[in-house]
N, C-alpha and C. Protein backbone atom coordinates (compact mmCIF):
# COMPACT_ATOMS: atom_id res chain seq x y z
N MET A 1 -23.91 -0.81 0.99
CA MET A 1 -23.69 0.61 0.73
C MET A 1 -22.25 0.81 0.21
N VAL A 2 -22.12 1.58 -0.84
CA VAL A 2 -20.81 1.92 -1.39
C VAL A 2 -20.39 3.26 -0.80
N ASN A 3 -19.21 3.31 -0.17
CA ASN A 3 -18.79 4.54 0.50
C ASN A 3 -17.27 4.71 0.42
N CYS A 4 -16.74 4.82 -0.78
CA CYS A 4 -15.30 5.00 -0.97
C CYS A 4 -14.82 6.34 -0.41
N ALA A 5 -15.67 7.34 -0.37
CA ALA A 5 -15.27 8.66 0.13
C ALA A 5 -14.80 8.59 1.57
N SER A 6 -15.37 7.70 2.35
CA SER A 6 -14.99 7.58 3.76
C SER A 6 -13.92 6.53 4.02
N CYS A 7 -13.47 5.83 2.99
CA CYS A 7 -12.43 4.81 3.16
C CYS A 7 -11.11 5.49 3.45
N VAL A 8 -10.47 5.10 4.55
CA VAL A 8 -9.24 5.74 4.98
C VAL A 8 -8.04 5.27 4.16
N GLY A 9 -7.91 3.97 3.94
CA GLY A 9 -6.70 3.43 3.31
C GLY A 9 -6.66 3.52 1.80
N LYS A 10 -7.82 3.50 1.14
CA LYS A 10 -7.89 3.46 -0.33
C LYS A 10 -6.93 2.39 -0.88
N ALA A 11 -7.04 1.18 -0.35
CA ALA A 11 -6.15 0.07 -0.73
C ALA A 11 -6.19 -0.20 -2.23
N CYS A 12 -7.30 0.08 -2.87
CA CYS A 12 -7.43 -0.16 -4.31
C CYS A 12 -6.42 0.65 -5.11
N SER A 13 -6.00 1.81 -4.59
CA SER A 13 -5.04 2.64 -5.32
C SER A 13 -3.66 2.00 -5.38
N ARG A 14 -3.45 0.96 -4.58
CA ARG A 14 -2.19 0.22 -4.59
C ARG A 14 -2.37 -1.17 -5.21
N GLY A 15 -3.52 -1.38 -5.86
CA GLY A 15 -3.78 -2.65 -6.53
C GLY A 15 -4.34 -3.75 -5.66
N ASN A 16 -4.67 -3.42 -4.42
CA ASN A 16 -5.21 -4.42 -3.50
C ASN A 16 -6.71 -4.58 -3.71
N PRO A 17 -7.22 -5.79 -3.54
CA PRO A 17 -8.66 -6.00 -3.72
C PRO A 17 -9.48 -5.32 -2.63
N CYS A 18 -10.70 -4.96 -3.00
CA CYS A 18 -11.64 -4.41 -2.02
C CYS A 18 -13.03 -4.90 -2.38
N PRO A 19 -13.95 -4.93 -1.42
CA PRO A 19 -15.28 -5.49 -1.69
C PRO A 19 -16.11 -4.66 -2.67
N VAL A 20 -15.76 -3.40 -2.88
CA VAL A 20 -16.55 -2.55 -3.78
C VAL A 20 -16.31 -2.92 -5.23
N GLY A 21 -15.05 -3.00 -5.63
CA GLY A 21 -14.74 -3.18 -7.04
C GLY A 21 -14.62 -4.60 -7.54
N GLU A 22 -14.27 -5.52 -6.68
CA GLU A 22 -13.96 -6.89 -7.12
C GLU A 22 -15.08 -7.59 -7.88
N PRO A 23 -16.35 -7.50 -7.43
CA PRO A 23 -17.39 -8.25 -8.14
C PRO A 23 -17.56 -7.85 -9.61
N LEU A 24 -17.27 -6.60 -9.95
CA LEU A 24 -17.49 -6.12 -11.32
C LEU A 24 -16.20 -5.90 -12.11
N LYS A 25 -15.06 -6.17 -11.49
CA LYS A 25 -13.76 -5.86 -12.10
C LYS A 25 -13.58 -6.55 -13.45
N LYS A 26 -13.90 -7.83 -13.55
CA LYS A 26 -13.72 -8.57 -14.81
C LYS A 26 -14.59 -7.98 -15.91
N PHE A 27 -15.84 -7.64 -15.56
CA PHE A 27 -16.73 -7.04 -16.56
C PHE A 27 -16.17 -5.70 -17.04
N ALA A 28 -15.68 -4.87 -16.12
CA ALA A 28 -15.11 -3.57 -16.50
C ALA A 28 -13.91 -3.76 -17.42
N PHE A 29 -13.04 -4.72 -17.11
CA PHE A 29 -11.86 -4.97 -17.95
C PHE A 29 -12.27 -5.37 -19.37
N ARG A 30 -13.34 -6.16 -19.48
CA ARG A 30 -13.84 -6.52 -20.82
C ARG A 30 -14.31 -5.28 -21.58
N GLU A 31 -14.96 -4.36 -20.86
CA GLU A 31 -15.43 -3.13 -21.49
C GLU A 31 -14.26 -2.27 -21.97
N TYR A 32 -13.19 -2.20 -21.20
CA TYR A 32 -12.00 -1.43 -21.60
C TYR A 32 -11.38 -1.98 -22.87
N ARG A 33 -11.53 -3.28 -23.11
CA ARG A 33 -10.92 -3.92 -24.28
C ARG A 33 -11.65 -3.57 -25.58
N LYS A 34 -12.86 -3.03 -25.49
CA LYS A 34 -13.59 -2.64 -26.70
C LYS A 34 -12.82 -1.51 -27.39
N ALA A 35 -12.79 -1.53 -28.70
CA ALA A 35 -11.92 -0.64 -29.49
C ALA A 35 -12.01 0.83 -29.09
N GLY A 36 -13.20 1.41 -29.10
CA GLY A 36 -13.34 2.83 -28.77
C GLY A 36 -12.94 3.13 -27.33
N ASN A 37 -13.32 2.25 -26.41
CA ASN A 37 -12.97 2.46 -25.01
C ASN A 37 -11.48 2.34 -24.77
N LEU A 38 -10.84 1.36 -25.39
CA LEU A 38 -9.42 1.12 -25.17
C LEU A 38 -8.59 2.32 -25.64
N LYS A 39 -8.92 2.83 -26.81
CA LYS A 39 -8.19 3.99 -27.34
C LYS A 39 -8.34 5.20 -26.41
N LEU A 40 -9.58 5.50 -26.01
CA LEU A 40 -9.83 6.65 -25.14
C LEU A 40 -9.16 6.46 -23.78
N TYR A 41 -9.22 5.25 -23.25
CA TYR A 41 -8.61 4.98 -21.94
C TYR A 41 -7.10 5.16 -22.00
N ARG A 42 -6.49 4.64 -23.05
CA ARG A 42 -5.03 4.78 -23.19
C ARG A 42 -4.62 6.24 -23.39
N LYS A 43 -5.33 6.94 -24.26
CA LYS A 43 -4.98 8.34 -24.54
C LYS A 43 -5.18 9.22 -23.31
N SER A 44 -6.28 9.03 -22.60
CA SER A 44 -6.54 9.87 -21.43
C SER A 44 -5.58 9.54 -20.29
N SER A 45 -5.21 8.28 -20.15
CA SER A 45 -4.25 7.90 -19.11
C SER A 45 -2.86 8.44 -19.42
N SER A 46 -2.47 8.42 -20.70
CA SER A 46 -1.18 9.00 -21.10
C SER A 46 -1.18 10.51 -20.89
N LEU A 47 -2.31 11.15 -21.20
CA LEU A 47 -2.43 12.59 -21.03
C LEU A 47 -2.32 12.98 -19.56
N GLU A 48 -2.86 12.15 -18.68
CA GLU A 48 -2.76 12.41 -17.25
C GLU A 48 -1.30 12.52 -16.82
N VAL A 49 -0.47 11.62 -17.34
CA VAL A 49 0.96 11.64 -17.01
C VAL A 49 1.65 12.83 -17.68
N GLU A 50 1.36 13.04 -18.96
CA GLU A 50 1.99 14.10 -19.73
C GLU A 50 1.71 15.49 -19.16
N GLY A 51 0.47 15.73 -18.77
CA GLY A 51 0.08 17.08 -18.37
C GLY A 51 -0.03 17.31 -16.88
N TYR A 52 0.33 16.32 -16.08
CA TYR A 52 0.14 16.41 -14.63
C TYR A 52 0.83 17.64 -14.05
N MET A 53 0.05 18.53 -13.45
CA MET A 53 0.53 19.77 -12.82
C MET A 53 1.18 20.73 -13.83
N LYS A 54 0.93 20.49 -15.13
CA LYS A 54 1.48 21.37 -16.17
C LYS A 54 0.38 22.00 -17.03
N TYR A 55 -0.66 21.21 -17.34
CA TYR A 55 -1.69 21.68 -18.27
C TYR A 55 -2.95 22.11 -17.53
N PRO A 56 -3.51 23.28 -17.89
CA PRO A 56 -4.86 23.59 -17.41
C PRO A 56 -5.85 22.72 -18.20
N ARG A 57 -7.07 22.67 -17.73
CA ARG A 57 -8.06 21.78 -18.35
C ARG A 57 -8.29 22.10 -19.84
N VAL A 58 -8.19 23.36 -20.24
CA VAL A 58 -8.38 23.71 -21.65
C VAL A 58 -7.30 23.03 -22.49
N LYS A 59 -6.07 23.05 -22.02
CA LYS A 59 -4.97 22.39 -22.74
C LYS A 59 -5.18 20.88 -22.78
N GLU A 60 -5.66 20.30 -21.69
CA GLU A 60 -5.96 18.87 -21.68
C GLU A 60 -7.03 18.53 -22.71
N LEU A 61 -8.03 19.39 -22.82
CA LEU A 61 -9.10 19.19 -23.81
C LEU A 61 -8.51 19.18 -25.22
N ILE A 62 -7.66 20.15 -25.51
CA ILE A 62 -7.04 20.25 -26.83
C ILE A 62 -6.22 18.99 -27.13
N ARG A 63 -5.39 18.59 -26.19
CA ARG A 63 -4.52 17.43 -26.39
C ARG A 63 -5.34 16.15 -26.57
N LEU A 64 -6.38 15.96 -25.76
CA LEU A 64 -7.20 14.75 -25.88
C LEU A 64 -7.90 14.71 -27.23
N ALA A 65 -8.48 15.83 -27.65
CA ALA A 65 -9.17 15.86 -28.95
C ALA A 65 -8.19 15.58 -30.09
N GLU A 66 -6.99 16.13 -30.00
CA GLU A 66 -5.97 15.86 -31.03
C GLU A 66 -5.60 14.38 -31.04
N GLU A 67 -5.34 13.83 -29.87
CA GLU A 67 -4.93 12.43 -29.77
C GLU A 67 -6.02 11.46 -30.25
N MET A 68 -7.27 11.81 -30.00
CA MET A 68 -8.38 10.95 -30.40
C MET A 68 -8.80 11.17 -31.84
N GLY A 69 -8.28 12.22 -32.48
CA GLY A 69 -8.69 12.52 -33.85
C GLY A 69 -10.07 13.13 -33.93
N TRP A 70 -10.50 13.76 -32.83
CA TRP A 70 -11.80 14.44 -32.81
C TRP A 70 -11.62 15.85 -33.35
N ASN A 71 -12.04 16.08 -34.57
CA ASN A 71 -11.85 17.39 -35.20
C ASN A 71 -13.08 18.27 -35.09
N LYS A 72 -14.26 17.66 -35.13
CA LYS A 72 -15.51 18.43 -35.10
C LYS A 72 -16.02 18.48 -33.67
N LEU A 73 -15.86 19.65 -33.03
CA LEU A 73 -16.22 19.80 -31.62
C LEU A 73 -17.49 20.61 -31.47
N GLY A 74 -18.36 20.18 -30.57
CA GLY A 74 -19.57 20.91 -30.25
C GLY A 74 -19.42 21.58 -28.89
N MET A 75 -20.02 22.74 -28.75
CA MET A 75 -19.98 23.44 -27.47
C MET A 75 -21.39 23.86 -27.11
N ALA A 76 -21.89 23.34 -26.00
CA ALA A 76 -23.20 23.72 -25.46
C ALA A 76 -22.92 24.67 -24.31
N PHE A 77 -23.30 25.94 -24.46
CA PHE A 77 -22.94 26.91 -23.43
C PHE A 77 -24.13 27.71 -22.93
N CYS A 78 -23.96 28.21 -21.70
CA CYS A 78 -24.95 29.08 -21.07
C CYS A 78 -24.77 30.49 -21.61
N ILE A 79 -25.86 31.18 -21.82
CA ILE A 79 -25.79 32.56 -22.32
C ILE A 79 -25.02 33.46 -21.35
N GLY A 80 -25.05 33.11 -20.06
CA GLY A 80 -24.30 33.89 -19.06
C GLY A 80 -22.80 33.71 -19.16
N LEU A 81 -22.35 32.71 -19.93
CA LEU A 81 -20.92 32.49 -20.15
C LEU A 81 -20.56 32.68 -21.62
N SER A 82 -21.25 33.62 -22.26
CA SER A 82 -21.02 33.87 -23.69
C SER A 82 -19.59 34.31 -23.97
N GLU A 83 -19.04 35.15 -23.11
CA GLU A 83 -17.67 35.64 -23.32
C GLU A 83 -16.66 34.49 -23.20
N GLU A 84 -16.86 33.64 -22.20
CA GLU A 84 -15.98 32.49 -22.03
C GLU A 84 -16.10 31.53 -23.22
N ALA A 85 -17.33 31.33 -23.70
CA ALA A 85 -17.56 30.45 -24.85
C ALA A 85 -16.87 31.00 -26.10
N LYS A 86 -16.96 32.31 -26.28
CA LYS A 86 -16.32 32.94 -27.45
C LYS A 86 -14.80 32.76 -27.39
N LYS A 87 -14.21 32.96 -26.21
CA LYS A 87 -12.76 32.78 -26.07
C LYS A 87 -12.36 31.33 -26.30
N LEU A 88 -13.13 30.40 -25.75
CA LEU A 88 -12.83 28.99 -25.94
C LEU A 88 -12.91 28.63 -27.42
N GLN A 89 -13.94 29.10 -28.10
CA GLN A 89 -14.08 28.80 -29.53
C GLN A 89 -12.88 29.35 -30.30
N GLU A 90 -12.43 30.56 -29.96
CA GLU A 90 -11.26 31.14 -30.64
C GLU A 90 -10.02 30.28 -30.41
N ILE A 91 -9.82 29.83 -29.18
CA ILE A 91 -8.66 28.99 -28.88
C ILE A 91 -8.72 27.68 -29.66
N LEU A 92 -9.89 27.03 -29.63
CA LEU A 92 -10.02 25.74 -30.32
C LEU A 92 -9.85 25.89 -31.83
N GLU A 93 -10.42 26.95 -32.39
CA GLU A 93 -10.27 27.18 -33.84
C GLU A 93 -8.82 27.49 -34.21
N SER A 94 -8.08 28.12 -33.30
CA SER A 94 -6.67 28.40 -33.57
C SER A 94 -5.85 27.11 -33.64
N HIS A 95 -6.39 26.02 -33.10
CA HIS A 95 -5.76 24.70 -33.18
C HIS A 95 -6.37 23.87 -34.31
N SER A 96 -7.07 24.54 -35.21
CA SER A 96 -7.65 23.93 -36.42
C SER A 96 -8.82 22.99 -36.17
N PHE A 97 -9.49 23.13 -35.02
CA PHE A 97 -10.71 22.36 -34.80
C PHE A 97 -11.88 23.07 -35.48
N GLU A 98 -12.85 22.30 -35.94
CA GLU A 98 -14.11 22.83 -36.46
C GLU A 98 -15.06 22.87 -35.26
N VAL A 99 -15.45 24.08 -34.85
CA VAL A 99 -16.23 24.23 -33.62
C VAL A 99 -17.64 24.69 -33.95
N HIS A 100 -18.62 23.98 -33.38
CA HIS A 100 -20.03 24.34 -33.52
C HIS A 100 -20.56 24.66 -32.12
N SER A 101 -20.99 25.89 -31.90
CA SER A 101 -21.44 26.30 -30.57
C SER A 101 -22.93 26.61 -30.58
N VAL A 102 -23.61 26.18 -29.50
CA VAL A 102 -25.05 26.36 -29.39
C VAL A 102 -25.37 26.93 -28.01
N VAL A 103 -26.04 28.08 -27.98
CA VAL A 103 -26.39 28.74 -26.73
C VAL A 103 -27.61 28.07 -26.09
N CYS A 104 -27.72 28.18 -24.78
CA CYS A 104 -28.79 27.51 -24.04
C CYS A 104 -30.19 28.00 -24.42
N LYS A 105 -30.31 29.21 -24.90
CA LYS A 105 -31.63 29.77 -25.22
C LYS A 105 -32.08 29.46 -26.64
N VAL A 106 -31.35 28.59 -27.34
CA VAL A 106 -31.69 28.24 -28.72
C VAL A 106 -33.16 27.81 -28.80
N GLY A 107 -33.85 28.29 -29.80
CA GLY A 107 -35.25 27.92 -29.99
C GLY A 107 -36.24 28.84 -29.32
N GLY A 108 -35.77 29.72 -28.42
CA GLY A 108 -36.63 30.73 -27.80
C GLY A 108 -37.90 30.20 -27.16
N VAL A 109 -37.79 29.29 -26.21
CA VAL A 109 -38.95 28.70 -25.56
C VAL A 109 -39.51 29.63 -24.48
N GLU A 110 -40.78 29.97 -24.60
CA GLU A 110 -41.43 30.80 -23.58
C GLU A 110 -41.71 29.95 -22.34
N LYS A 111 -41.37 30.47 -21.18
CA LYS A 111 -41.54 29.71 -19.94
C LYS A 111 -43.00 29.39 -19.64
N GLU A 112 -43.90 30.23 -20.10
CA GLU A 112 -45.32 30.01 -19.84
C GLU A 112 -45.82 28.70 -20.46
N LYS A 113 -45.14 28.20 -21.48
CA LYS A 113 -45.59 26.98 -22.17
C LYS A 113 -45.47 25.74 -21.30
N PHE A 114 -44.68 25.80 -20.23
CA PHE A 114 -44.43 24.57 -19.46
C PHE A 114 -45.20 24.39 -18.17
N PRO A 115 -45.72 25.22 -17.42
CA PRO A 115 -45.32 26.58 -17.08
C PRO A 115 -44.13 26.57 -16.10
N LEU A 116 -43.30 27.58 -16.24
CA LEU A 116 -42.12 27.74 -15.40
C LEU A 116 -42.13 29.15 -14.81
N PRO A 117 -41.50 29.34 -13.65
CA PRO A 117 -41.43 30.68 -13.08
C PRO A 117 -40.52 31.59 -13.90
N GLY A 118 -40.78 32.89 -13.85
CA GLY A 118 -39.95 33.86 -14.55
C GLY A 118 -40.58 34.31 -15.85
N LYS A 119 -40.09 35.44 -16.36
CA LYS A 119 -40.65 36.03 -17.58
C LYS A 119 -39.76 35.83 -18.80
N ASP A 120 -38.48 35.47 -18.61
CA ASP A 120 -37.57 35.33 -19.73
C ASP A 120 -37.81 34.00 -20.45
N HIS A 121 -37.00 33.72 -21.44
CA HIS A 121 -37.14 32.48 -22.18
C HIS A 121 -36.37 31.36 -21.48
N ALA A 122 -36.89 30.16 -21.60
CA ALA A 122 -36.31 29.00 -20.92
C ALA A 122 -35.11 28.46 -21.69
N CYS A 123 -34.22 27.80 -20.95
CA CYS A 123 -33.10 27.09 -21.58
C CYS A 123 -33.65 25.87 -22.31
N ASN A 124 -32.89 25.39 -23.29
CA ASN A 124 -33.37 24.32 -24.14
C ASN A 124 -32.25 23.29 -24.37
N PRO A 125 -31.83 22.56 -23.30
CA PRO A 125 -30.70 21.65 -23.44
C PRO A 125 -30.95 20.48 -24.40
N ILE A 126 -32.18 20.04 -24.52
CA ILE A 126 -32.47 18.95 -25.46
C ILE A 126 -32.24 19.42 -26.89
N LEU A 127 -32.69 20.64 -27.20
CA LEU A 127 -32.47 21.17 -28.55
C LEU A 127 -30.98 21.43 -28.79
N GLN A 128 -30.25 21.88 -27.76
CA GLN A 128 -28.80 22.05 -27.92
C GLN A 128 -28.17 20.74 -28.37
N ALA A 129 -28.53 19.64 -27.71
CA ALA A 129 -27.99 18.33 -28.07
C ALA A 129 -28.41 17.93 -29.48
N MET A 130 -29.68 18.17 -29.81
CA MET A 130 -30.19 17.79 -31.13
C MET A 130 -29.47 18.54 -32.25
N VAL A 131 -29.21 19.83 -32.03
CA VAL A 131 -28.50 20.64 -33.04
C VAL A 131 -27.10 20.07 -33.26
N LEU A 132 -26.40 19.75 -32.17
CA LEU A 132 -25.05 19.21 -32.31
C LEU A 132 -25.07 17.79 -32.87
N ASN A 133 -26.11 17.02 -32.56
CA ASN A 133 -26.26 15.68 -33.16
C ASN A 133 -26.42 15.81 -34.68
N GLU A 134 -27.21 16.78 -35.09
CA GLU A 134 -27.47 17.01 -36.51
C GLU A 134 -26.17 17.36 -37.26
N VAL A 135 -25.31 18.13 -36.60
CA VAL A 135 -24.02 18.51 -37.19
C VAL A 135 -23.07 17.31 -37.24
N GLY A 136 -23.24 16.38 -36.30
CA GLY A 136 -22.39 15.19 -36.25
C GLY A 136 -21.06 15.43 -35.57
N THR A 137 -21.11 16.06 -34.40
CA THR A 137 -19.88 16.36 -33.68
C THR A 137 -19.20 15.09 -33.16
N ASP A 138 -17.88 15.18 -33.01
CA ASP A 138 -17.09 14.05 -32.47
C ASP A 138 -17.06 14.07 -30.95
N LEU A 139 -17.09 15.27 -30.39
CA LEU A 139 -17.05 15.48 -28.94
C LEU A 139 -17.84 16.73 -28.62
N ASN A 140 -18.61 16.69 -27.55
CA ASN A 140 -19.34 17.88 -27.11
C ASN A 140 -18.78 18.37 -25.78
N ILE A 141 -18.73 19.68 -25.63
CA ILE A 141 -18.15 20.33 -24.45
C ILE A 141 -19.24 21.16 -23.77
N ILE A 142 -19.44 20.93 -22.49
CA ILE A 142 -20.40 21.72 -21.72
C ILE A 142 -19.66 22.91 -21.11
N VAL A 143 -20.22 24.08 -21.34
CA VAL A 143 -19.67 25.32 -20.77
C VAL A 143 -20.77 26.00 -19.97
N GLY A 144 -20.83 25.65 -18.68
CA GLY A 144 -21.71 26.34 -17.74
C GLY A 144 -23.19 26.12 -17.87
N LEU A 145 -23.63 24.98 -18.36
CA LEU A 145 -25.08 24.72 -18.38
C LEU A 145 -25.60 24.61 -16.96
N CYS A 146 -26.86 24.97 -16.76
CA CYS A 146 -27.48 24.91 -15.44
C CYS A 146 -27.51 23.48 -14.92
N MET A 147 -27.52 23.38 -13.59
CA MET A 147 -27.67 22.07 -12.95
C MET A 147 -28.97 21.43 -13.44
N GLY A 148 -28.89 20.23 -13.89
CA GLY A 148 -30.05 19.52 -14.43
C GLY A 148 -30.12 19.64 -15.94
N HIS A 149 -29.91 20.85 -16.45
CA HIS A 149 -29.87 21.03 -17.90
C HIS A 149 -28.65 20.30 -18.47
N ASP A 150 -27.54 20.31 -17.71
CA ASP A 150 -26.35 19.58 -18.15
C ASP A 150 -26.65 18.08 -18.23
N VAL A 151 -27.44 17.59 -17.30
CA VAL A 151 -27.81 16.17 -17.30
C VAL A 151 -28.65 15.85 -18.54
N MET A 152 -29.64 16.69 -18.81
CA MET A 152 -30.50 16.46 -19.97
C MET A 152 -29.68 16.52 -21.26
N PHE A 153 -28.76 17.48 -21.35
CA PHE A 153 -27.93 17.58 -22.54
C PHE A 153 -27.15 16.28 -22.76
N GLN A 154 -26.56 15.76 -21.70
CA GLN A 154 -25.76 14.53 -21.82
C GLN A 154 -26.61 13.33 -22.20
N VAL A 155 -27.84 13.28 -21.70
CA VAL A 155 -28.74 12.17 -22.04
C VAL A 155 -29.04 12.18 -23.54
N TYR A 156 -29.21 13.35 -24.14
CA TYR A 156 -29.61 13.46 -25.54
C TYR A 156 -28.44 13.59 -26.51
N SER A 157 -27.25 13.84 -26.02
CA SER A 157 -26.08 13.98 -26.89
C SER A 157 -25.65 12.61 -27.43
N LYS A 158 -25.50 12.50 -28.74
CA LYS A 158 -25.00 11.27 -29.34
C LYS A 158 -23.49 11.17 -29.21
N ALA A 159 -22.82 12.30 -29.21
CA ALA A 159 -21.36 12.31 -29.08
C ALA A 159 -20.96 12.23 -27.61
N PRO A 160 -19.77 11.71 -27.32
CA PRO A 160 -19.30 11.77 -25.94
C PRO A 160 -19.22 13.21 -25.48
N THR A 161 -19.37 13.42 -24.18
CA THR A 161 -19.46 14.77 -23.63
C THR A 161 -18.49 14.95 -22.47
N THR A 162 -17.85 16.12 -22.43
CA THR A 162 -17.02 16.48 -21.30
C THR A 162 -17.47 17.86 -20.80
N THR A 163 -17.17 18.14 -19.55
CA THR A 163 -17.53 19.43 -18.97
C THR A 163 -16.26 20.25 -18.78
N LEU A 164 -16.24 21.44 -19.34
CA LEU A 164 -15.10 22.33 -19.15
C LEU A 164 -15.35 23.30 -18.01
N ILE A 165 -16.56 23.87 -17.97
CA ILE A 165 -16.91 24.81 -16.91
C ILE A 165 -18.22 24.36 -16.28
N VAL A 166 -18.19 24.23 -14.94
CA VAL A 166 -19.40 23.95 -14.18
C VAL A 166 -19.91 25.27 -13.63
N LYS A 167 -21.17 25.58 -13.89
CA LYS A 167 -21.71 26.86 -13.44
C LYS A 167 -21.87 26.89 -11.92
N ASP A 168 -21.33 27.94 -11.31
CA ASP A 168 -21.54 28.24 -9.90
C ASP A 168 -21.45 29.75 -9.78
N ARG A 169 -22.59 30.41 -9.87
CA ARG A 169 -22.62 31.88 -9.89
C ARG A 169 -22.08 32.49 -8.60
N VAL A 170 -22.22 31.78 -7.48
CA VAL A 170 -21.80 32.30 -6.19
C VAL A 170 -20.28 32.21 -6.01
N LEU A 171 -19.68 31.13 -6.50
CA LEU A 171 -18.25 30.88 -6.25
C LEU A 171 -17.40 30.97 -7.52
N ALA A 172 -17.73 31.91 -8.41
CA ALA A 172 -16.94 32.15 -9.63
C ALA A 172 -16.70 30.87 -10.42
N HIS A 173 -17.75 30.06 -10.57
CA HIS A 173 -17.72 28.81 -11.33
C HIS A 173 -16.67 27.83 -10.79
N ASN A 174 -16.53 27.82 -9.48
CA ASN A 174 -15.63 26.89 -8.81
C ASN A 174 -16.42 26.19 -7.70
N PRO A 175 -17.26 25.20 -8.06
CA PRO A 175 -18.10 24.57 -7.05
C PRO A 175 -17.33 23.89 -5.93
N ALA A 176 -16.09 23.50 -6.19
CA ALA A 176 -15.29 22.88 -5.13
C ALA A 176 -14.97 23.87 -4.01
N GLY A 177 -15.10 25.16 -4.29
CA GLY A 177 -14.86 26.17 -3.27
C GLY A 177 -15.74 25.97 -2.04
N ALA A 178 -16.94 25.46 -2.23
CA ALA A 178 -17.84 25.22 -1.09
C ALA A 178 -17.31 24.10 -0.20
N LEU A 179 -16.48 23.23 -0.74
CA LEU A 179 -15.90 22.15 0.04
C LEU A 179 -14.63 22.60 0.76
N TYR A 180 -13.92 23.56 0.16
CA TYR A 180 -12.68 24.06 0.76
C TYR A 180 -12.94 25.13 1.81
N SER A 181 -14.03 25.84 1.69
CA SER A 181 -14.35 26.94 2.62
C SER A 181 -15.07 26.39 3.85
N ARG A 182 -14.49 26.58 5.02
CA ARG A 182 -15.14 26.13 6.26
C ARG A 182 -16.51 26.80 6.42
N TYR A 183 -16.60 28.06 6.00
CA TYR A 183 -17.86 28.79 6.13
C TYR A 183 -18.96 28.11 5.30
N TYR A 184 -18.70 27.86 4.01
CA TYR A 184 -19.72 27.25 3.16
C TYR A 184 -19.99 25.81 3.57
N PHE A 185 -18.96 25.09 3.96
CA PHE A 185 -19.15 23.71 4.39
C PHE A 185 -20.14 23.65 5.55
N LYS A 186 -19.93 24.49 6.57
CA LYS A 186 -20.85 24.52 7.72
C LYS A 186 -22.24 24.97 7.30
N LYS A 187 -22.30 25.95 6.45
CA LYS A 187 -23.58 26.50 6.01
C LYS A 187 -24.39 25.46 5.23
N LEU A 188 -23.71 24.60 4.49
CA LEU A 188 -24.40 23.61 3.67
C LEU A 188 -24.79 22.34 4.43
N MET A 189 -24.17 22.11 5.56
CA MET A 189 -24.49 20.93 6.34
C MET A 189 -25.90 21.05 6.93
N ARG A 190 -26.64 19.99 6.84
CA ARG A 190 -28.02 19.98 7.35
C ARG A 190 -28.04 20.01 8.87
N ARG A 191 -27.07 19.36 9.48
CA ARG A 191 -26.97 19.36 10.93
C ARG A 191 -25.58 19.89 11.32
N PRO A 192 -25.44 20.42 12.51
CA PRO A 192 -24.15 20.98 12.93
C PRO A 192 -23.03 19.92 12.91
N THR A 193 -21.83 20.37 12.58
CA THR A 193 -20.68 19.47 12.57
C THR A 193 -19.69 19.91 13.62
N LYS A 194 -18.84 18.97 14.00
CA LYS A 194 -17.76 19.32 14.92
C LYS A 194 -16.76 20.19 14.19
N GLU A 195 -16.10 21.06 14.94
CA GLU A 195 -15.08 21.94 14.36
C GLU A 195 -13.96 21.08 13.77
N ARG A 196 -13.56 21.40 12.54
CA ARG A 196 -12.51 20.61 11.88
C ARG A 196 -11.19 21.31 11.96
């Protein structure tokens, strides 16, 4: 069983060997040496240092795309985050990126065809990916796609994908809030926990 979350010392963060990573370490290092991986790894690691505690994630996105030479950006967004998607597109275009945005309801799929609950039209993450594949984007950005739909989008996206906004309607799109809030943490636990 792999359980780094419960490891107290995290010895690996100081370069010490551990039973989890050692068996595959050499293979991973070979993968990092591949041209595309090496460039992305170096640029993202440098960006981590450059922007640490200074850049919000939107700024990190801009800097990484600039550093990687990714000019044609795709945005797959939820219709419920249309305003956020519009603002993001404006920001990215102001930095001279070519932005192609595709809403989750693209294609107008009737839920009865699958059949799915509800009367509105279904989301279409596979078509979102296909549209951006057709355009030939360098990087795709997820803005609030539903849980599961984000997975499908990533499976079908030919371009590398990053997530800018994770949808969480209850916690203002901050899913980590459920981990920080004692109330939500207790509520989400299947069995009672000791007071922390």
